[in-house]
C-alpha atoms as a PDB file:
ATOM      1  CA  MET A   1      25.214  19.573  -4.005  1.00  0.00           C
ATOM      2  CA  SER A   2      22.764  19.671  -1.266  1.00  0.00           C
ATOM      3  CA  ASP A   3      19.466  17.554  -1.393  1.00  0.00           C
ATOM      4  CA  HIS A   4      16.121  18.958  -0.717  1.00  0.00           C
ATOM      5  CA  VAL A   5      13.717  16.119  -0.088  1.00  0.00           C
ATOM      6  CA  LEU A   6       9.926  16.775  -0.229  1.00  0.00           C
ATOM      7  CA  VAL A   7       8.269  14.385   1.986  1.00  0.00           C
ATOM      8  CA  VAL A   8       4.738  13.558   1.029  1.00  0.00           C
ATOM      9  CA  GLY A   9       2.408  12.369   3.759  1.00  0.00           C
ATOM     10  CA  GLY A  10       4.428  12.781   6.943  1.00  0.00           C
ATOM     11  CA  GLY A  11       6.686   9.788   7.620  1.00  0.00           C
ATOM     12  CA  MET A  12       6.969   9.467  11.449  1.00  0.00           C
ATOM     13  CA  THR A  13      10.545   9.257  12.196  1.00  0.00           C
ATOM     14  CA  MET A  14      11.736   8.744   8.564  1.00  0.00           C
ATOM     15  CA  PRO A  15      12.353  12.505   7.714  1.00  0.00           C
ATOM     16  CA  GLY A  16      14.720  12.910  10.677  1.00  0.00           C
ATOM     17  CA  LEU A  17      16.617   9.777   9.426  1.00  0.00           C
ATOM     18  CA  LEU A  18      17.076  11.350   6.115  1.00  0.00           C
ATOM     19  CA  ARG A  19      18.433  14.544   7.813  1.00  0.00           C
ATOM     20  CA  SER A  20      20.737  12.357   9.898  1.00  0.00           C
ATOM     21  CA  LEU A  21      22.569  11.332   6.586  1.00  0.00           C
ATOM     22  CA  GLY A  22      24.337  14.661   6.613  1.00  0.00           C
ATOM     23  CA  THR A  23      24.217  18.443   6.908  1.00  0.00           C
ATOM     24  CA  ASP A  24      23.491  18.634   3.100  1.00  0.00           C
ATOM     25  CA  VAL A  25      20.036  16.990   3.428  1.00  0.00           C
ATOM     26  CA  ARG A  26      17.036  19.269   3.993  1.00  0.00           C
ATOM     27  CA  THR A  27      13.410  18.364   4.240  1.00  0.00           C
ATOM     28  CA  SER A  28      10.007  19.990   3.406  1.00  0.00           C
ATOM     29  CA  VAL A  29       6.640  18.251   4.084  1.00  0.00           C
ATOM     30  CA  VAL A  30       3.357  18.399   2.238  1.00  0.00           C
ATOM     31  CA  CYS A  31       0.550  16.370   3.916  1.00  0.00           C
ATOM     32  CA  GLN A  32      -3.094  16.338   4.861  1.00  0.00           C
ATOM     33  CA  LEU A  33      -4.192  18.827   7.523  1.00  0.00           C
ATOM     34  CA  ALA A  34      -4.795  16.027  10.021  1.00  0.00           C
ATOM     35  CA  ILE A  35      -1.290  14.763   9.726  1.00  0.00           C
ATOM     36  CA  VAL A  36       0.261  18.121  10.711  1.00  0.00           C
ATOM     37  CA  PRO A  37      -0.012  17.737  14.479  1.00  0.00           C
ATOM     38  CA  LYS A  38       1.588  14.316  14.268  1.00  0.00           C
ATOM     39  CA  LEU A  39       4.745  15.537  12.684  1.00  0.00           C
ATOM     40  CA  ARG A  40       7.909  15.102  14.711  1.00  0.00           C
ATOM     41  CA  GLU A  41      10.702  17.660  14.954  1.00  0.00           C
ATOM     42  CA  GLN A  42       8.571  20.208  13.002  1.00  0.00           C
ATOM     43  CA  HIS A  43      11.113  22.936  13.606  1.00  0.00           C
ATOM     44  CA  LEU A  44      13.722  20.934  11.610  1.00  0.00           C
ATOM     45  CA  HIS A  45      11.817  21.018   8.383  1.00  0.00           C
ATOM     46  CA  GLN A  46      12.361  23.920   6.047  1.00  0.00           C
ATOM     47  CA  ARG A  47       8.569  24.236   5.662  1.00  0.00           C
ATOM     48  CA  ILE A  48       5.248  22.144   6.365  1.00  0.00           C
ATOM     49  CA  LEU A  49       2.345  22.522   4.073  1.00  0.00           C
ATOM     50  CA  GLY A  50      -1.053  21.189   4.978  1.00  0.00           C
ATOM     51  CA  LEU A  51      -3.954  20.507   2.591  1.00  0.00           C
ATOM     52  CA  ARG A  52      -7.458  19.153   2.976  1.00  0.00           C
ATOM     53  CA  ALA A  53      -7.947  15.505   2.447  1.00  0.00           C
ATOM     54  CA  GLU A  54     -10.269  16.038  -0.522  1.00  0.00           C
ATOM     55  CA  ALA A  55      -7.810  18.643  -2.223  1.00  0.00           C
ATOM     56  CA  SER A  56      -7.395  17.769  -5.852  1.00  0.00           C
ATOM     57  CA  ASP A  57      -4.107  16.308  -7.382  1.00  0.00           C
ATOM     58  CA  GLN A  58      -3.822  19.760  -9.243  1.00  0.00           C
ATOM     59  CA  GLU A  59      -3.743  21.522  -5.794  1.00  0.00           C
ATOM     60  CA  TRP A  60      -1.133  19.241  -4.424  1.00  0.00           C
ATOM     61  CA  VAL A  61       0.935  19.815  -7.545  1.00  0.00           C
ATOM     62  CA  ALA A  62       0.488  23.496  -7.533  1.00  0.00           C
ATOM     63  CA  ILE A  63       1.707  23.844  -3.784  1.00  0.00           C
ATOM     64  CA  ALA A  64       4.721  21.434  -4.591  1.00  0.00           C
ATOM     65  CA  SER A  65       5.482  23.423  -7.610  1.00  0.00           C
ATOM     66  CA  ALA A  66       5.513  26.686  -5.775  1.00  0.00           C
ATOM     67  CA  VAL A  67       8.088  25.344  -3.190  1.00  0.00           C
ATOM     68  CA  HIS A  68      10.009  23.990  -6.132  1.00  0.00           C
ATOM     69  CA  ARG A  69      10.362  27.478  -7.741  1.00  0.00           C
ATOM     70  CA  LEU A  70      11.606  29.000  -4.353  1.00  0.00           C
ATOM     71  CA  ASP A  71      13.714  26.185  -3.146  1.00  0.00           C
ATOM     72  CA  PRO A  72      14.346  23.513  -5.876  1.00  0.00           C
ATOM     73  CA  ILE A  73      13.321  19.916  -4.825  1.00  0.00           C
ATOM     74  CA  THR A  74      15.899  17.273  -5.600  1.00  0.00           C
ATOM     75  CA  LYS A  75      13.944  14.182  -4.387  1.00  0.00           C
ATOM     76  CA  ILE A  76      10.354  13.072  -3.527  1.00  0.00           C
ATOM     77  CA  ALA A  77       9.884  10.630  -0.599  1.00  0.00           C
ATOM     78  CA  THR A  78       6.789   8.973   0.815  1.00  0.00           C
ATOM     79  CA  PHE A  79       6.827   6.533   3.760  1.00  0.00           C
ATOM     80  CA  ALA A  80       3.191   5.397   4.294  1.00  0.00           C
ATOM     81  CA  GLU A  81       0.245   4.123   2.403  1.00  0.00           C
ATOM     82  CA  ARG A  82      -1.706   7.433   2.437  1.00  0.00           C
ATOM     83  CA  ASP A  83      -1.046   9.974  -0.474  1.00  0.00           C
ATOM     84  CA  GLN A  84       1.368   7.878  -2.504  1.00  0.00           C
ATOM     85  CA  ASP A  85      -0.756   8.806  -5.527  1.00  0.00           C
ATOM     86  CA  ARG A  86      -0.160  12.414  -4.696  1.00  0.00           C
ATOM     87  CA  ALA A  87       3.520  11.895  -4.530  1.00  0.00           C
ATOM     88  CA  ALA A  88       3.462  10.237  -7.880  1.00  0.00           C
ATOM     89  CA  VAL A  89       1.689  13.202  -9.750  1.00  0.00           C
ATOM     90  CA  ILE A  90       4.042  15.719  -7.934  1.00  0.00           C
ATOM     91  CA  ALA A  91       7.145  13.766  -9.048  1.00  0.00           C
ATOM     92  CA  GLU A  92       5.798  13.449 -12.645  1.00  0.00           C
ATOM     93  CA  GLU A  93       5.284  17.233 -12.662  1.00  0.00           C
ATOM     94  CA  LEU A  94       8.771  18.048 -11.268  1.00  0.00           C
ATOM     95  CA  GLY A  95      10.495  15.289 -13.453  1.00  0.00           C
ATOM     96  CA  LEU A  96      11.845  13.503 -10.349  1.00  0.00           C
ATOM     97  CA  PRO A  97      11.978   9.705  -9.800  1.00  0.00           C
ATOM     98  CA  MET A  98       9.035   8.057  -8.183  1.00  0.00           C
ATOM     99  CA  HIS A  99       6.649   5.168  -8.780  1.00  0.00           C
ATOM    100  CA  THR A 100       4.114   5.997 -11.480  1.00  0.00           C
ATOM    101  CA  LYS A 101       0.603   6.782 -10.584  1.00  0.00           C
ATOM    102  CA  GLN A 102      -0.444   3.559 -12.572  1.00  0.00           C
ATOM    103  CA  THR A 103       1.927   1.408 -10.371  1.00  0.00           C
ATOM    104  CA  ILE A 104       0.486   2.913  -7.207  1.00  0.00           C
ATOM    105  CA  HIS A 105      -3.041   2.251  -8.410  1.00  0.00           C
ATOM    106  CA  TRP A 106      -2.335  -1.357  -9.032  1.00  0.00           C
ATOM    107  CA  VAL A 107      -0.881  -1.677  -5.408  1.00  0.00           C
ATOM    108  CA  HIS A 108      -3.648   0.058  -3.703  1.00  0.00           C
ATOM    109  CA  HIS A 109      -6.686  -1.300  -5.844  1.00  0.00           C
ATOM    110  CA  LYS A 110      -6.669  -4.998  -5.163  1.00  0.00           C
ATOM    111  CA  PRO A 111      -8.788  -6.018  -8.155  1.00  0.00           C
ATOM    112  CA  SER A 112      -6.546  -4.229 -10.508  1.00  0.00           C
ATOM    113  CA  MET A 113      -3.436  -5.821  -8.992  1.00  0.00           C
ATOM    114  CA  ARG A 114      -4.974  -9.377  -9.476  1.00  0.00           C
ATOM    115  CA  GLU A 115      -5.886  -8.540 -12.986  1.00  0.00           C
ATOM    116  CA  ARG A 116      -2.244  -7.177 -13.653  1.00  0.00           C
ATOM    117  CA  LEU A 117      -0.668 -10.290 -12.261  1.00  0.00           C
ATOM    118  CA  SER A 118      -3.019 -12.487 -14.091  1.00  0.00           C
ATOM    119  CA  ALA A 119      -2.231 -10.889 -17.501  1.00  0.00           C
ATOM    120  CA  LEU A 120       1.509 -11.444 -16.771  1.00  0.00           C
ATOM    121  CA  GLY A 121       0.956 -15.006 -15.872  1.00  0.00           C
ATOM    122  CA  LYS A 122       1.866 -14.489 -12.276  1.00  0.00           C
ATOM    123  CA  ASP A 123      -1.301 -15.305 -10.460  1.00  0.00           C
ATOM    124  CA  ASP A 124      -4.535 -17.262 -11.216  1.00  0.00           C
ATOM    125  CA  THR A 125      -6.558 -16.565  -7.942  1.00  0.00           C
ATOM    126  CA  PRO A 126     -10.358 -16.568  -8.791  1.00  0.00           C
ATOM    127  CA  HIS A 127     -11.707 -13.128  -7.778  1.00  0.00           C
ATOM    128  CA  ALA A 128     -14.585 -10.693  -8.471  1.00  0.00           C
ATOM    129  CA  ILE A 129     -16.072  -7.453  -7.453  1.00  0.00           C
ATOM    130  CA  VAL A 130     -19.504  -8.271  -5.998  1.00  0.00           C
ATOM    131  CA  ARG A 131     -22.356  -5.679  -5.838  1.00  0.00           C
ATOM    132  CA  SER A 132     -24.741  -7.806  -3.738  1.00  0.00           C
ATOM    133  CA  VAL A 133     -24.953 -10.842  -1.429  1.00  0.00           C
ATOM    134  CA  ALA A 134     -26.502 -12.838  -4.251  1.00  0.00           C
ATOM    135  CA  GLU A 135     -23.394 -12.164  -6.359  1.00  0.00           C
ATOM    136  CA  LEU A 136     -21.240 -13.225  -3.477  1.00  0.00           C
ATOM    137  CA  ARG A 137     -23.130 -16.397  -3.189  1.00  0.00           C
ATOM    138  CA  GLU A 138     -22.868 -17.005  -6.878  1.00  0.00           C
ATOM    139  CA  PHE A 139     -19.054 -16.727  -6.607  1.00  0.00           C
ATOM    140  CA  ALA A 140     -19.007 -19.144  -3.715  1.00  0.00           C
ATOM    141  CA  ARG A 141     -21.159 -21.608  -5.815  1.00  0.00           C
ATOM    142  CA  ILE A 142     -18.748 -21.518  -8.628  1.00  0.00           C
ATOM    143  CA  HIS A 143     -15.425 -21.508  -6.730  1.00  0.00           C
ATOM    144  CA  GLY A 144     -16.337 -22.984  -3.417  1.00  0.00           C
ATOM    145  CA  PHE A 145     -15.740 -22.270   0.164  1.00  0.00           C
ATOM    146  CA  PRO A 146     -13.785 -20.965   2.003  1.00  0.00           C
ATOM    147  CA  CYS A 147     -13.344 -17.679   0.266  1.00  0.00           C
ATOM    148  CA  ILE A 148     -12.550 -14.299   1.643  1.00  0.00           C
ATOM    149  CA  ALA A 149     -14.306 -10.913   1.221  1.00  0.00           C
ATOM    150  CA  LYS A 150     -12.323  -7.615   1.607  1.00  0.00           C
ATOM    151  CA  PRO A 151     -12.609  -3.933   0.624  1.00  0.00           C
ATOM    152  CA  ALA A 152     -11.282  -3.312  -2.885  1.00  0.00           C
ATOM    153  CA  VAL A 153      -9.203  -0.525  -1.481  1.00  0.00           C
ATOM    154  CA  GLY A 154      -8.175  -0.921   2.185  1.00  0.00           C
ATOM    155  CA  ALA A 155      -5.464  -1.094   4.742  1.00  0.00           C
ATOM    156  CA  GLY A 156      -5.026  -2.402   8.233  1.00  0.00           C
ATOM    157  CA  SER A 157      -7.115  -5.551   7.593  1.00  0.00           C
ATOM    158  CA  ILE A 158     -10.218  -3.377   7.994  1.00  0.00           C
ATOM    159  CA  GLY A 159     -13.368  -5.096   6.642  1.00  0.00           C
ATOM    160  CA  ILE A 160     -11.744  -8.448   5.778  1.00  0.00           C
ATOM    161  CA  ARG A 161     -13.867 -11.504   6.560  1.00  0.00           C
ATOM    162  CA  ARG A 162     -13.380 -15.283   5.921  1.00  0.00           C
ATOM    163  CA  ILE A 163     -16.450 -16.936   4.578  1.00  0.00           C
ATOM    164  CA  GLU A 164     -16.745 -20.542   5.509  1.00  0.00           C
ATOM    165  CA  THR A 165     -20.561 -21.277   4.769  1.00  0.00           C
ATOM    166  CA  GLU A 166     -23.584 -19.497   3.383  1.00  0.00           C
ATOM    167  CA  ALA A 167     -24.365 -18.248   6.802  1.00  0.00           C
ATOM    168  CA  ASP A 168     -21.399 -16.020   6.601  1.00  0.00           C
ATOM    169  CA  LEU A 169     -22.164 -14.252   3.309  1.00  0.00           C
ATOM    170  CA  ALA A 170     -24.290 -11.356   4.512  1.00  0.00           C
ATOM    171  CA  THR A 171     -22.074 -10.424   7.481  1.00  0.00           C
ATOM    172  CA  ALA A 172     -19.046 -10.690   5.234  1.00  0.00           C
ATOM    173  CA  PHE A 173     -20.448  -8.498   2.443  1.00  0.00           C
ATOM    174  CA  ASP A 174     -21.604  -5.770   4.966  1.00  0.00           C
ATOM    175  CA  ALA A 175     -18.043  -5.656   6.619  1.00  0.00           C
ATOM    176  CA  ALA A 176     -16.207  -5.570   3.316  1.00  0.00           C
ATOM    177  CA  GLY A 177     -18.540  -3.001   1.894  1.00  0.00           C
ATOM    178  CA  THR A 178     -17.940  -0.239   4.432  1.00  0.00           C
ATOM    179  CA  THR A 179     -16.657   2.981   3.134  1.00  0.00           C
ATOM    180  CA  GLY A 180     -14.379   4.923   5.460  1.00  0.00           C
ATOM    181  CA  GLU A 181     -11.163   6.772   5.912  1.00  0.00           C
ATOM    182  CA  TRP A 182      -9.176   3.513   4.902  1.00  0.00           C
ATOM    183  CA  THR A 183     -11.677   1.709   2.949  1.00  0.00           C
ATOM    184  CA  SER A 184     -13.523   2.143  -0.435  1.00  0.00           C
ATOM    185  CA  GLY A 185     -14.239   0.682  -3.878  1.00  0.00           C
ATOM    186  CA  GLY A 186     -16.803  -1.892  -3.072  1.00  0.00           C
ATOM    187  CA  VAL A 187     -16.476  -5.722  -2.228  1.00  0.00           C
ATOM    188  CA  LEU A 188     -13.796  -7.842  -3.502  1.00  0.00           C
ATOM    189  CA  VAL A 189     -14.101 -11.523  -3.126  1.00  0.00           C
ATOM    190  CA  GLU A 190     -11.274 -13.967  -3.659  1.00  0.00           C
ATOM    191  CA  ARG A 191     -10.664 -17.678  -3.352  1.00  0.00           C
ATOM    192  CA  LEU A 192      -8.937 -18.206   0.208  1.00  0.00           C
ATOM    193  CA  HIS A 193      -5.561 -19.867  -0.005  1.00  0.00           C
ATOM    194  CA  ILE A 194      -4.884 -22.235   2.769  1.00  0.00           C
ATOM    195  CA  GLY A 195      -1.427 -22.766   4.272  1.00  0.00           C
ATOM    196  CA  SER A 196       1.346 -20.881   5.932  1.00  0.00           C
ATOM    197  CA  GLN A 197       1.311 -17.116   5.592  1.00  0.00           C
ATOM    198  CA  VAL A 198       4.570 -15.003   4.962  1.00  0.00           C
ATOM    199  CA  SER A 199       5.375 -11.633   3.942  1.00  0.00           C
ATOM    200  CA  VAL A 200       8.418 -10.454   2.206  1.00  0.00           C
ATOM    201  CA  GLU A 201      10.430  -7.352   3.100  1.00  0.00           C
ATOM    202  CA  ALA A 202      12.464  -6.107   0.290  1.00  0.00           C
ATOM    203  CA  PHE A 203      13.983  -2.970  -1.184  1.00  0.00           C
ATOM    204  CA  SER A 204      14.113  -2.041  -4.832  1.00  0.00           C
ATOM    205  CA  ASP A 205      16.785   0.285  -6.390  1.00  0.00           C
ATOM    206  CA  GLY A 206      17.318   0.758 -10.028  1.00  0.00           C
ATOM    207  CA  GLY A 207      15.495  -2.303 -10.982  1.00  0.00           C
ATOM    208  CA  VAL A 208      17.445  -4.539  -8.410  1.00  0.00           C
ATOM    209  CA  HIS A 209      15.180  -6.116  -5.806  1.00  0.00           C
ATOM    210  CA  GLU A 210      17.097  -7.057  -2.509  1.00  0.00           C
ATOM    211  CA  ILE A 211      15.171  -9.339  -0.203  1.00  0.00           C
ATOM    212  CA  VAL A 212      15.815  -8.452   3.460  1.00  0.00           C
ATOM    213  CA  CYS A 213      13.668 -10.984   5.201  1.00  0.00           C
ATOM    214  CA  VAL A 214      10.779 -13.377   4.790  1.00  0.00           C
ATOM    215  CA  THR A 215       8.482 -13.026   7.816  1.00  0.00           C
ATOM    216  CA  GLN A 216       6.140 -15.713   9.041  1.00  0.00           C
ATOM    217  CA  LYS A 217       2.811 -14.101   9.949  1.00  0.00           C
ATOM    218  CA  TYR A 218      -0.073 -15.190  12.236  1.00  0.00           C
ATOM    219  CA  SER A 219      -3.549 -13.785  11.642  1.00  0.00           C
ATOM    220  CA  ASP A 220      -6.997 -13.951  13.378  1.00  0.00           C
ATOM    221  CA  PRO A 221      -8.607 -16.832  11.410  1.00  0.00           C
ATOM    222  CA  PHE A 222     -11.799 -14.732  10.543  1.00  0.00           C
ATOM    223  CA  ALA A 223     -11.031 -11.150  10.497  1.00  0.00           C
ATOM    224  CA  HIS A 224      -7.381 -11.630   9.458  1.00  0.00           C
ATOM    225  CA  VAL A 225      -5.926  -9.043  11.600  1.00  0.00           C
ATOM    226  CA  GLU A 226      -2.203  -9.898  12.189  1.00  0.00           C
ATOM    227  CA  VAL A 227      -1.514 -11.122  15.674  1.00  0.00           C
ATOM    228  CA  GLY A 228       2.097 -12.288  15.532  1.00  0.00           C
ATOM    229  CA  HIS A 229       5.243 -12.262  13.549  1.00  0.00           C
ATOM    230  CA  VAL A 230       8.204 -14.528  13.539  1.00  0.00           C
ATOM    231  CA  LEU A 231      11.414 -13.450  11.849  1.00  0.00           C
ATOM    232  CA  PRO A 232      12.792 -15.166   9.894  1.00  0.00           C
ATOM    233  CA  ALA A 233      10.042 -17.467   8.670  1.00  0.00           C
ATOM    234  CA  GLN A 234      10.401 -21.046   9.419  1.00  0.00           C
ATOM    235  CA  VAL A 235      10.535 -22.296   5.708  1.00  0.00           C
ATOM    236  CA  SER A 236      12.987 -24.746   3.921  1.00  0.00           C
ATOM    237  CA  ALA A 237      15.790 -23.513   1.683  1.00  0.00           C
ATOM    238  CA  ASP A 238      13.863 -24.622  -1.352  1.00  0.00           C
ATOM    239  CA  GLN A 239      10.754 -22.664  -0.292  1.00  0.00           C
ATOM    240  CA  LEU A 240      12.858 -19.647   0.497  1.00  0.00           C
ATOM    241  CA  ALA A 241      14.417 -19.721  -2.963  1.00  0.00           C
ATOM    242  CA  ALA A 242      11.051 -20.032  -4.599  1.00  0.00           C
ATOM    243  CA  ILE A 243       9.454 -17.255  -2.532  1.00  0.00           C
ATOM    244  CA  GLY A 244      12.430 -14.922  -3.516  1.00  0.00           C
ATOM    245  CA  ALA A 245      12.252 -15.786  -7.095  1.00  0.00           C
ATOM    246  CA  TYR A 246       8.545 -15.130  -7.259  1.00  0.00           C
ATOM    247  CA  VAL A 247       8.648 -11.850  -5.422  1.00  0.00           C
ATOM    248  CA  ARG A 248      11.540 -10.667  -7.665  1.00  0.00           C
ATOM    249  CA  SER A 249       9.562 -11.523 -10.728  1.00  0.00           C
ATOM    250  CA  VAL A 250       6.502  -9.687  -9.579  1.00  0.00           C
ATOM    251  CA  LEU A 251       8.477  -6.586  -8.619  1.00  0.00           C
ATOM    252  CA  SER A 252       9.998  -6.538 -11.971  1.00  0.00           C
END
């Protein structure tokens, strides 16, 4: 049986890699209009469907359902942060495997993720949504400096500011509170964890979490934009085991 994969959101080179798996893999794309010109090898897709960024979930589902009736979709794929929530609602409507919309909300909305991990006993980082510089100052008074302010929903390190003293509060609040294409939701403040920074690259399949690499990360000390990676991270065997165990427990 051939696979017809609906790619939600574009995916750069990934749709081509899917097709390279064999002649029985076909791809269609549904994405925001701004993404359409960036799609590669457009002529190799079965179809490309572009929607306004502000289109409702119902419109995305209706378009995907129309395709499904004409050319049944067997899998949903999404390869970037944008429109993962749309992929979830489409998959739910079509009865196909995909992360739930709730899971995607936890991943994208940082305060909700903190609350979820806290409820499961996985994280105790002090955090709060603050609506003014005064509330930010009160958080720092209770939990101390340094702390970090960031958009509640954001990507690409946009709007992240490290707060060392009271003199940093207003600037950090303004930066984290900016609403734009990639940022929204208000200002989240958290206690800043001091120490080495790593990220964990992993794949999950059927509840099994395979850790591929632990990456050492180096970031600008105030804006926290990543400036360098070292693979693999320079950590001890015990640290590596602890990182792996923690990440698997969170993913589960």
